[in-house]
Protein backbone atom coordinates (compact mmCIF):
# COMPACT_ATOMS: atom_id res chain seq x y z
CA UNK A 1 0.00 0.00 0.00
CA UNK A 2 1.58 3.28 -1.14
CA UNK A 3 1.92 6.09 1.37
CA UNK A 4 1.49 9.57 0.02
CA UNK A 5 3.87 12.20 1.44
CA UNK A 6 2.86 15.74 0.73
CA UNK A 7 5.79 18.09 1.23
CA UNK A 8 3.43 21.05 1.24
CA UNK A 9 1.57 19.68 4.22
CA UNK A 10 2.63 21.73 7.31
CA UNK A 11 2.47 18.62 9.43
CA UNK A 12 4.82 16.79 7.15
CA UNK A 13 7.11 19.81 7.01
CA UNK A 14 7.33 19.92 10.82
CA UNK A 15 8.13 16.20 10.94
CA UNK A 16 10.80 16.57 8.24
CA UNK A 17 12.31 19.55 10.05
CA UNK A 18 12.39 17.57 13.28
CA UNK A 19 14.45 14.91 11.48
CA UNK A 20 16.75 17.18 9.48
CA UNK A 21 17.63 19.77 12.11
CA UNK A 22 19.66 17.37 14.31
CA UNK A 23 21.53 16.11 11.24
CA UNK A 24 22.39 19.61 10.09
CA UNK A 25 23.39 20.57 13.63
CA UNK A 26 25.65 17.54 13.96
CA UNK A 27 27.24 18.24 10.57
CA UNK A 28 27.81 21.86 11.47
CA UNK A 29 29.26 20.87 14.86
CA UNK A 30 31.65 18.37 13.24
CA UNK A 31 32.64 20.61 10.33
CA UNK A 32 33.11 23.86 12.23
CA UNK A 33 34.26 22.63 15.64
CA UNK A 34 35.51 19.02 15.64
CA UNK A 35 37.37 19.10 12.30
CA UNK A 36 39.32 22.32 13.08
CA UNK A 37 40.19 20.89 16.50
CA UNK A 38 41.56 17.71 14.89
CA UNK A 39 43.62 19.75 12.41
CA UNK A 40 44.90 21.96 15.23
CA UNK A 41 45.78 18.85 17.27
CA UNK A 42 47.82 17.47 14.35
CA UNK A 43 49.69 20.77 14.13
CA UNK A 44 50.36 20.68 17.88
CA UNK A 45 51.62 17.12 17.63
CA UNK A 46 54.05 18.12 14.86
CA UNK A 47 55.21 21.07 16.99
CA UNK A 48 55.75 18.75 19.97
CA UNK A 49 57.87 16.40 17.83
CA UNK A 50 59.92 19.33 16.51
CA UNK A 51 60.41 20.79 19.99
CA UNK A 52 61.33 17.38 21.42
CA UNK A 53 63.95 16.96 18.68
CA UNK A 54 65.38 20.42 19.41
CA UNK A 55 65.49 19.64 23.14
CA UNK A 56 67.32 16.38 22.39
CA UNK A 57 69.78 18.21 20.13
CA UNK A 58 70.40 20.85 22.81
CA UNK A 59 70.88 18.17 25.49
CA UNK A 60 73.33 16.30 23.24
CA UNK A 61 75.23 19.50 22.49
CA UNK A 62 75.45 20.23 26.23
CA UNK A 63 76.76 16.71 26.88
CA UNK A 64 79.24 16.85 23.97
CA UNK A 65 82.02 18.72 25.87
CA UNK A 66 81.97 16.09 28.62
CA UNK A 67 82.12 13.31 26.05
CA UNK A 68 84.93 15.03 24.18
CA UNK A 69 86.88 15.55 27.40
CA UNK A 70 86.43 11.89 28.30
CA UNK A 71 87.64 10.84 24.84
CA UNK A 72 90.59 13.25 25.14
CA UNK A 73 91.58 11.75 28.52
CA UNK A 74 91.31 8.25 27.05
CA UNK A 75 93.47 9.18 24.06
CA UNK A 76 96.05 10.89 26.30
CA UNK A 77 96.27 7.76 28.47
CA UNK A 78 96.69 5.63 25.35
CA UNK A 79 99.37 8.01 24.05
CA UNK A 80 101.30 7.79 27.33
CA UNK A 81 101.12 4.00 27.14
CA UNK A 82 102.42 4.04 23.55
CA UNK A 83 105.18 6.49 24.48
CA UNK A 84 106.40 4.02 27.09
CA UNK A 85 106.48 1.27 24.48
CA UNK A 86 108.14 3.52 21.90
CA UNK A 87 110.10 6.26 23.72
CA UNK A 88 111.43 9.30 21.88
CA UNK A 89 114.94 8.76 23.27
CA UNK A 90 116.96 5.65 24.05
CA UNK A 91 117.77 5.32 27.75
CA UNK A 92 120.51 2.69 27.70
CA UNK A 93 121.05 2.89 31.46
CA UNK A 94 117.41 2.12 32.13
CA UNK A 95 117.43 -0.69 29.58
CA UNK A 96 120.50 -2.26 31.24
CA UNK A 97 118.75 -2.06 34.63
CA UNK A 98 115.73 -3.83 33.13
CA UNK A 99 117.96 -6.47 31.57
CA UNK A 100 119.71 -7.01 34.89
CA UNK A 101 116.35 -7.82 36.50
CA UNK A 102 115.45 -10.11 33.59
CA UNK A 103 118.86 -11.79 33.89
CA UNK A 104 118.31 -12.51 37.56
CA UNK A 105 114.71 -13.67 37.14
CA UNK A 106 115.50 -16.04 34.28
CA UNK A 107 118.81 -17.19 35.85
CA UNK A 108 121.02 -16.60 32.84
CA UNK A 109 124.47 -14.99 32.57
CA UNK A 110 124.67 -12.02 30.20
CA UNK A 111 128.39 -11.86 29.43
CA UNK A 112 128.25 -9.44 26.50
CA UNK A 113 126.24 -6.34 25.56
CA UNK A 114 127.47 -4.18 22.69
CA UNK A 115 125.77 -1.49 20.61
CA UNK A 116 126.27 -2.29 16.92
CA UNK A 117 124.28 0.10 14.72
CA UNK A 118 121.26 2.37 14.35
CA UNK A 119 119.03 1.77 11.35
CA UNK A 120 116.73 4.48 10.02
CA UNK A 121 114.21 4.66 7.21
CA UNK A 122 113.01 8.13 6.26
CA UNK A 123 109.52 6.74 5.60
CA UNK A 124 109.15 5.01 8.98
CA UNK A 125 108.38 6.80 12.26
CA UNK A 126 111.05 5.01 14.29
CA UNK A 127 114.76 4.27 14.58
CA UNK A 128 116.00 0.73 15.21
CA UNK A 129 118.88 0.51 17.67
CA UNK A 130 120.70 -2.83 17.45
CA UNK A 131 122.70 -4.46 20.24
CA UNK A 132 124.68 -7.70 20.15
CA UNK A 133 124.20 -9.67 23.35
CA UNK A 134 125.95 -12.83 24.50
CA UNK A 135 124.38 -15.11 27.09
CA UNK A 136 125.46 -18.29 28.82
CA UNK A 137 122.68 -20.46 30.17
CA UNK A 138 120.70 -23.63 29.77
CA UNK A 139 118.05 -23.88 27.05
CA UNK A 140 115.12 -23.60 29.49
CA UNK A 141 116.64 -20.55 31.18
CA UNK A 142 117.20 -18.83 27.82
CA UNK A 143 113.57 -19.48 26.89
CA UNK A 144 112.55 -17.73 30.10
CA UNK A 145 114.94 -14.90 29.28
CA UNK A 146 113.33 -14.36 25.87
CA UNK A 147 109.87 -14.43 27.41
CA UNK A 148 110.83 -11.83 30.04
CA UNK A 149 112.43 -9.57 27.42
CA UNK A 150 109.28 -9.64 25.30
CA UNK A 151 107.28 -8.69 28.41
CA UNK A 152 109.29 -5.53 29.06
CA UNK A 153 107.39 -2.22 28.58
CA UNK A 154 109.26 -1.59 25.33
CA UNK A 155 108.90 -2.66 21.73
CA UNK A 156 111.86 -4.99 21.11
CA UNK A 157 112.78 -7.94 18.93
CA UNK A 158 115.44 -10.66 18.91
CA UNK A 159 117.08 -11.85 15.68
CA UNK A 160 120.17 -13.57 14.28
CA UNK A 161 120.02 -16.16 17.03
CA UNK A 162 123.13 -18.36 17.25
CA UNK A 163 123.21 -21.22 19.79
CA UNK A 164 126.30 -23.31 20.47
CA UNK A 165 127.73 -25.46 23.23
CA UNK A 166 129.74 -23.50 25.75
CA UNK A 167 132.99 -25.39 25.23
CA UNK A 168 134.86 -23.33 27.80
CA UNK A 169 132.37 -24.27 30.48
CA UNK A 170 132.23 -27.92 29.41
CA UNK A 171 136.02 -28.26 29.48
CA UNK A 172 136.44 -26.45 32.78
CA UNK A 173 137.74 -28.68 35.55
CA UNK A 174 136.75 -26.22 38.22
CA UNK A 175 132.99 -26.18 37.69
CA UNK A 176 130.99 -26.65 40.82
CA UNK A 177 127.22 -26.74 40.33
CA UNK A 178 126.35 -27.35 43.94
CA UNK A 179 123.48 -24.98 44.68
CA UNK A 180 123.49 -23.77 41.07
CA UNK A 181 121.74 -26.70 39.41
CA UNK A 182 119.05 -24.34 38.06
CA UNK A 183 121.66 -21.97 36.58
CA UNK A 184 123.57 -24.03 34.02
CA UNK A 185 125.94 -22.38 31.52
CA UNK A 186 126.07 -25.21 29.02
CA UNK A 187 124.93 -23.06 26.07
CA UNK A 188 126.42 -19.94 24.57
CA UNK A 189 123.82 -17.79 22.83
CA UNK A 190 124.55 -14.79 20.64
CA UNK A 191 121.76 -12.70 19.16
CA UNK A 192 120.83 -9.22 18.03
CA UNK A 193 118.46 -7.27 20.23
CA UNK A 194 116.64 -4.44 18.46
CA UNK A 195 114.94 -1.67 20.39
CA UNK A 196 112.76 0.91 18.66
CA UNK A 197 112.73 4.66 19.29
CA UNK A 198 110.03 7.04 18.07
CA UNK A 199 111.04 9.46 15.32
CA UNK A 200 108.90 12.48 14.41
CA UNK A 201 108.75 12.37 10.63
CA UNK A 202 107.54 15.98 10.39
CA UNK A 203 110.43 17.27 12.53
CA UNK A 204 113.03 15.18 10.74
CA UNK A 205 111.69 16.22 7.35
CA UNK A 206 111.63 19.88 8.36
CA UNK A 207 115.20 19.75 9.61
């Protein structure tokens, strides 16, 4: 059954207005109030992100000097450690004192210590000072000696190693090992000890 709706009927107009007015009011409320608020909220969010980033940048910049100072202290400590391993000048007296301690600890007899030559390369930041050393000991004691030398707070190397029987000691009729069993002199060892000294390439080049 068809229902006739007469738009000109005041009653129908009032009913239609009652239905449409809330819809129009809601649309107007959303379009003119809610939508601008949402857009403004998005803008505020973007501003908060930007400000937070700037605050983080400022905080990082304020912390940077402390970080740089900490890195500088670390690098200075590392430089001091490297300077001990590679000094700028050779202190032969100190090196002999260190070798004396190594000699006693490893129970060898260092019977010869002679400077032979200094080797330089203009492209390398160090000089190599070479010393010929002669030692009398047993094989085990010499191994300990080498280990102790490599543990010294210096950059050193041993080369041109020559081991032979210590004929003079073997043929001696006066040897008395009582109390010295751990300090044999059955081997004679000759080798080249090389110590390295820092060389400033810029200074050397300038001079």
